Amino acid sequence: MPLRKRTPEEIAAKEADKQRQAADKDLRRRQQSFDQAWQEFRSSPAGQARQAFDSGDHVFQYSIDVMNQQAIIVAMIGSTTTNRAADPTAVLNSVCREGWELVNGDFVFVMTGQQSRDKFMSSGQNVAVAGTVIAYYLFRRCEENHEAESDAALRLRLGDPAQA
């Protein structure tokens, strides 16, 4: 069977098909990226606050781990702890902008464990406590604080391919 040359129309059609496939792949990638960003927002404190506000709730409660402490015991030396802290200010401000006013905040230490060893060459124990500090915040609905952009505007800002 002899090889035949492609016509310019066939070459152009094949190139257009490649471009269409590339555009479709890019659109799927952008849509997937947007869907992930949208899910992350919806599961964030601000996203949860927006959902509660939109559903007409009068109160919204949010809790966050503001400090985590791990116990460390070193034989013959003693005990210590390592701390990891988080500043909830940005979270609290984002919730307030969704139409909520902070009413109350409370902190609770939840002990997750402890380690102890006898002191080296003396009486007594070295004790290190592990745990976490949970902050509980209670908000009440406040129409004056509602600065949130609409879901459509947020979708556009997040780059929703369907909005483009």
C-alpha atoms as a PDB file:
ATOM      1  CA  MET A   1       0.000   0.000   0.000  1.00  0.00           C
ATOM      2  CA  PRO A   2       1.613   3.244  -1.055  1.00  0.00           C
ATOM      3  CA  LEU A   3       2.072   6.023   1.459  1.00  0.00           C
ATOM      4  CA  ARG A   4       0.123   9.102   0.648  1.00  0.00           C
ATOM      5  CA  LYS A   5       0.788  12.601   1.787  1.00  0.00           C
ATOM      6  CA  ARG A   6      -1.712  14.310   4.022  1.00  0.00           C
ATOM      7  CA  THR A   7      -3.563  17.222   2.591  1.00  0.00           C
ATOM      8  CA  PRO A   8      -3.242  20.644   4.233  1.00  0.00           C
ATOM      9  CA  GLU A   9      -6.876  20.295   5.411  1.00  0.00           C
ATOM     10  CA  GLU A  10      -6.084  16.977   7.172  1.00  0.00           C
ATOM     11  CA  ILE A  11      -2.996  18.494   8.807  1.00  0.00           C
ATOM     12  CA  ALA A  12      -5.018  21.538   9.951  1.00  0.00           C
ATOM     13  CA  ALA A  13      -7.825  19.293  11.267  1.00  0.00           C
ATOM     14  CA  LYS A  14      -5.349  17.167  13.214  1.00  0.00           C
ATOM     15  CA  GLU A  15      -3.695  20.283  14.690  1.00  0.00           C
ATOM     16  CA  ALA A  16      -7.102  21.734  15.640  1.00  0.00           C
ATOM     17  CA  ASP A  17      -7.978  18.427  17.334  1.00  0.00           C
ATOM     18  CA  LYS A  18      -4.719  18.533  19.320  1.00  0.00           C
ATOM     19  CA  GLN A  19      -5.437  22.100  20.421  1.00  0.00           C
ATOM     20  CA  ARG A  20      -9.001  21.185  21.410  1.00  0.00           C
ATOM     21  CA  GLN A  21      -7.731  18.220  23.466  1.00  0.00           C
ATOM     22  CA  ALA A  22      -5.121  20.428  25.154  1.00  0.00           C
ATOM     23  CA  ALA A  23      -7.771  23.065  25.936  1.00  0.00           C
ATOM     24  CA  ASP A  24     -10.095  20.387  27.359  1.00  0.00           C
ATOM     25  CA  LYS A  25      -7.276  19.008  29.518  1.00  0.00           C
ATOM     26  CA  ASP A  26      -6.436  22.510  30.771  1.00  0.00           C
ATOM     27  CA  LEU A  27     -10.109  23.189  31.557  1.00  0.00           C
ATOM     28  CA  ARG A  28     -10.380  19.902  33.515  1.00  0.00           C
ATOM     29  CA  ARG A  29      -7.199  20.767  35.440  1.00  0.00           C
ATOM     30  CA  ARG A  30      -8.472  24.274  36.247  1.00  0.00           C
ATOM     31  CA  GLN A  31     -11.883  22.901  37.256  1.00  0.00           C
ATOM     32  CA  GLN A  32     -10.256  20.335  39.535  1.00  0.00           C
ATOM     33  CA  SER A  33      -8.053  23.033  41.087  1.00  0.00           C
ATOM     34  CA  PHE A  34     -11.064  25.282  41.620  1.00  0.00           C
ATOM     35  CA  ASP A  35     -13.147  22.450  43.116  1.00  0.00           C
ATOM     36  CA  GLN A  36     -10.351  21.743  45.595  1.00  0.00           C
ATOM     37  CA  ALA A  37     -10.042  25.444  46.561  1.00  0.00           C
ATOM     38  CA  TRP A  38     -13.837  25.707  46.938  1.00  0.00           C
ATOM     39  CA  GLN A  39     -13.948  22.605  49.173  1.00  0.00           C
ATOM     40  CA  GLU A  40     -11.100  23.999  51.297  1.00  0.00           C
ATOM     41  CA  PHE A  41     -13.008  27.263  51.753  1.00  0.00           C
ATOM     42  CA  ARG A  42     -16.265  25.498  52.611  1.00  0.00           C
ATOM     43  CA  SER A  43     -14.507  23.408  55.280  1.00  0.00           C
ATOM     44  CA  SER A  44     -12.587  26.399  56.726  1.00  0.00           C
ATOM     45  CA  PRO A  45     -13.959  28.295  59.740  1.00  0.00           C
ATOM     46  CA  ALA A  46     -15.028  31.202  57.495  1.00  0.00           C
ATOM     47  CA  GLY A  47     -16.738  28.782  55.109  1.00  0.00           C
ATOM     48  CA  GLN A  48     -18.568  27.075  57.963  1.00  0.00           C
ATOM     49  CA  ALA A  49     -19.564  30.488  59.338  1.00  0.00           C
ATOM     50  CA  ARG A  50     -20.897  31.508  55.906  1.00  0.00           C
ATOM     51  CA  GLN A  51     -22.940  28.328  55.649  1.00  0.00           C
ATOM     52  CA  ALA A  52     -24.366  28.895  59.143  1.00  0.00           C
ATOM     53  CA  PHE A  53     -25.169  32.540  58.332  1.00  0.00           C
ATOM     54  CA  ASP A  54     -26.818  31.613  55.030  1.00  0.00           C
ATOM     55  CA  SER A  55     -28.927  28.944  56.730  1.00  0.00           C
ATOM     56  CA  GLY A  56     -30.224  31.545  59.219  1.00  0.00           C
ATOM     57  CA  ASP A  57     -28.477  30.283  62.350  1.00  0.00           C
ATOM     58  CA  HIS A  58     -28.449  32.637  65.334  1.00  0.00           C
ATOM     59  CA  VAL A  59     -25.268  31.307  66.967  1.00  0.00           C
ATOM     60  CA  PHE A  60     -22.062  29.760  65.672  1.00  0.00           C
ATOM     61  CA  GLN A  61     -19.485  27.929  67.768  1.00  0.00           C
ATOM     62  CA  TYR A  62     -15.948  27.227  66.671  1.00  0.00           C
ATOM     63  CA  SER A  63     -13.091  25.489  68.452  1.00  0.00           C
ATOM     64  CA  ILE A  64      -9.397  25.525  67.617  1.00  0.00           C
ATOM     65  CA  ASP A  65      -6.285  23.916  69.040  1.00  0.00           C
ATOM     66  CA  VAL A  66      -4.298  26.968  70.174  1.00  0.00           C
ATOM     67  CA  MET A  67      -1.427  25.170  71.898  1.00  0.00           C
ATOM     68  CA  ASN A  68      -0.082  21.645  71.839  1.00  0.00           C
ATOM     69  CA  GLN A  69       2.436  20.454  74.415  1.00  0.00           C
ATOM     70  CA  GLN A  70       4.480  17.260  74.152  1.00  0.00           C
ATOM     71  CA  ALA A  71       6.229  15.650  77.114  1.00  0.00           C
ATOM     72  CA  ILE A  72       9.928  14.822  76.908  1.00  0.00           C
ATOM     73  CA  ILE A  73      11.780  12.821  79.539  1.00  0.00           C
ATOM     74  CA  VAL A  74      15.523  12.417  79.163  1.00  0.00           C
ATOM     75  CA  ALA A  75      17.080   9.750  81.357  1.00  0.00           C
ATOM     76  CA  MET A  76      19.440  11.123  84.019  1.00  0.00           C
ATOM     77  CA  ILE A  77      18.815  14.719  82.927  1.00  0.00           C
ATOM     78  CA  GLY A  78      15.207  15.550  83.664  1.00  0.00           C
ATOM     79  CA  SER A  79      11.984  16.450  81.931  1.00  0.00           C
ATOM     80  CA  THR A  80      10.822  19.185  79.636  1.00  0.00           C
ATOM     81  CA  THR A  81       8.056  19.917  77.145  1.00  0.00           C
ATOM     82  CA  THR A  82       7.854  21.200  73.605  1.00  0.00           C
ATOM     83  CA  ASN A  83       5.096  23.639  72.682  1.00  0.00           C
ATOM     84  CA  ARG A  84       3.429  24.448  69.389  1.00  0.00           C
ATOM     85  CA  ALA A  85       1.110  27.452  69.462  1.00  0.00           C
ATOM     86  CA  ALA A  86      -1.322  28.909  66.931  1.00  0.00           C
ATOM     87  CA  ASP A  87      -2.700  32.458  66.815  1.00  0.00           C
ATOM     88  CA  PRO A  88      -6.462  32.316  66.159  1.00  0.00           C
ATOM     89  CA  THR A  89      -6.801  36.050  65.399  1.00  0.00           C
ATOM     90  CA  ALA A  90      -7.033  35.640  61.614  1.00  0.00           C
ATOM     91  CA  VAL A  91      -9.635  32.905  61.998  1.00  0.00           C
ATOM     92  CA  LEU A  92     -11.723  34.978  64.414  1.00  0.00           C
ATOM     93  CA  ASN A  93     -11.608  38.008  62.092  1.00  0.00           C
ATOM     94  CA  SER A  94     -12.629  35.937  59.073  1.00  0.00           C
ATOM     95  CA  VAL A  95     -15.613  34.519  60.988  1.00  0.00           C
ATOM     96  CA  CYS A  96     -16.672  38.020  62.121  1.00  0.00           C
ATOM     97  CA  ARG A  97     -16.546  39.250  58.505  1.00  0.00           C
ATOM     98  CA  GLU A  98     -19.023  36.518  57.599  1.00  0.00           C
ATOM     99  CA  GLY A  99     -21.657  38.199  59.798  1.00  0.00           C
ATOM    100  CA  TRP A 100     -20.848  37.096  63.339  1.00  0.00           C
ATOM    101  CA  GLU A 101     -19.950  38.891  66.563  1.00  0.00           C
ATOM    102  CA  LEU A 102     -17.683  37.230  69.130  1.00  0.00           C
ATOM    103  CA  VAL A 103     -19.647  36.765  72.345  1.00  0.00           C
ATOM    104  CA  ASN A 104     -17.409  34.554  74.450  1.00  0.00           C
ATOM    105  CA  GLY A 105     -14.172  32.624  74.364  1.00  0.00           C
ATOM    106  CA  ASP A 106     -12.968  29.932  76.717  1.00  0.00           C
ATOM    107  CA  PHE A 107      -9.835  27.805  76.951  1.00  0.00           C
ATOM    108  CA  VAL A 108      -9.603  24.235  78.170  1.00  0.00           C
ATOM    109  CA  PHE A 109      -6.459  22.177  78.747  1.00  0.00           C
ATOM    110  CA  VAL A 110      -6.946  18.569  77.713  1.00  0.00           C
ATOM    111  CA  MET A 111      -4.248  16.300  79.097  1.00  0.00           C
ATOM    112  CA  THR A 112      -3.326  13.615  76.574  1.00  0.00           C
ATOM    113  CA  GLY A 113      -0.679  11.905  78.666  1.00  0.00           C
ATOM    114  CA  GLN A 114       2.233  12.206  81.009  1.00  0.00           C
ATOM    115  CA  GLN A 115       5.635  10.636  81.425  1.00  0.00           C
ATOM    116  CA  SER A 116       7.545  10.207  84.649  1.00  0.00           C
ATOM    117  CA  ARG A 117      10.897   8.816  85.672  1.00  0.00           C
ATOM    118  CA  ASP A 118      12.687   8.540  88.968  1.00  0.00           C
ATOM    119  CA  LYS A 119      15.197  11.316  89.498  1.00  0.00           C
ATOM    120  CA  PHE A 120      18.811  10.332  89.071  1.00  0.00           C
ATOM    121  CA  MET A 121      20.715  10.049  92.316  1.00  0.00           C
ATOM    122  CA  SER A 122      18.003  11.773  94.365  1.00  0.00           C
ATOM    123  CA  SER A 123      14.523  11.109  95.569  1.00  0.00           C
ATOM    124  CA  GLY A 124      11.399  12.088  93.670  1.00  0.00           C
ATOM    125  CA  GLN A 125      10.102  11.984  90.140  1.00  0.00           C
ATOM    126  CA  ASN A 126      10.592  13.935  86.915  1.00  0.00           C
ATOM    127  CA  VAL A 127       7.136  14.421  85.398  1.00  0.00           C
ATOM    128  CA  ALA A 128       6.292  15.890  82.007  1.00  0.00           C
ATOM    129  CA  VAL A 129       2.677  16.451  80.971  1.00  0.00           C
ATOM    130  CA  ALA A 130       1.447  16.285  77.380  1.00  0.00           C
ATOM    131  CA  GLY A 131      -1.752  17.930  76.254  1.00  0.00           C
ATOM    132  CA  THR A 132      -3.450  20.531  74.195  1.00  0.00           C
ATOM    133  CA  VAL A 133      -5.238  23.806  74.855  1.00  0.00           C
ATOM    134  CA  ILE A 134      -8.537  24.013  72.997  1.00  0.00           C
ATOM    135  CA  ALA A 135     -10.163  27.415  72.551  1.00  0.00           C
ATOM    136  CA  TYR A 136     -13.936  27.528  72.221  1.00  0.00           C
ATOM    137  CA  TYR A 137     -15.478  30.634  70.691  1.00  0.00           C
ATOM    138  CA  LEU A 138     -19.161  31.489  70.621  1.00  0.00           C
ATOM    139  CA  PHE A 139     -20.470  33.972  68.065  1.00  0.00           C
ATOM    140  CA  ARG A 140     -23.898  35.523  67.616  1.00  0.00           C
ATOM    141  CA  ARG A 141     -25.372  36.625  64.326  1.00  0.00           C
ATOM    142  CA  CYS A 142     -24.554  40.267  63.582  1.00  0.00           C
ATOM    143  CA  GLU A 143     -25.890  41.694  60.314  1.00  0.00           C
ATOM    144  CA  GLU A 144     -23.664  44.797  60.663  1.00  0.00           C
ATOM    145  CA  ASN A 145     -20.519  42.631  60.465  1.00  0.00           C
ATOM    146  CA  HIS A 146     -21.624  40.852  57.304  1.00  0.00           C
ATOM    147  CA  GLU A 147     -18.962  41.918  54.780  1.00  0.00           C
ATOM    148  CA  ALA A 148     -18.706  38.592  52.971  1.00  0.00           C
ATOM    149  CA  GLU A 149     -18.600  38.602  49.237  1.00  0.00           C
ATOM    150  CA  SER A 150     -21.260  36.576  47.468  1.00  0.00           C
ATOM    151  CA  ASP A 151     -20.561  32.971  46.580  1.00  0.00           C
ATOM    152  CA  ALA A 152     -20.507  34.008  42.909  1.00  0.00           C
ATOM    153  CA  ALA A 153     -17.869  36.696  43.586  1.00  0.00           C
ATOM    154  CA  LEU A 154     -15.822  34.253  45.653  1.00  0.00           C
ATOM    155  CA  ARG A 155     -16.065  31.658  42.881  1.00  0.00           C
ATOM    156  CA  LEU A 156     -14.809  34.253  40.410  1.00  0.00           C
ATOM    157  CA  ARG A 157     -11.926  35.222  42.727  1.00  0.00           C
ATOM    158  CA  LEU A 158     -10.988  31.558  43.234  1.00  0.00           C
ATOM    159  CA  GLY A 159     -10.914  31.151  39.456  1.00  0.00           C
ATOM    160  CA  ASP A 160     -14.042  29.105  38.713  1.00  0.00           C
ATOM    161  CA  PRO A 161     -13.714  28.028  35.069  1.00  0.00           C
ATOM    162  CA  ALA A 162     -17.499  28.003  34.768  1.00  0.00           C
ATOM    163  CA  GLN A 163     -17.610  31.723  35.656  1.00  0.00           C
ATOM    164  CA  ALA A 164     -14.996  32.669  33.036  1.00  0.00           C
END
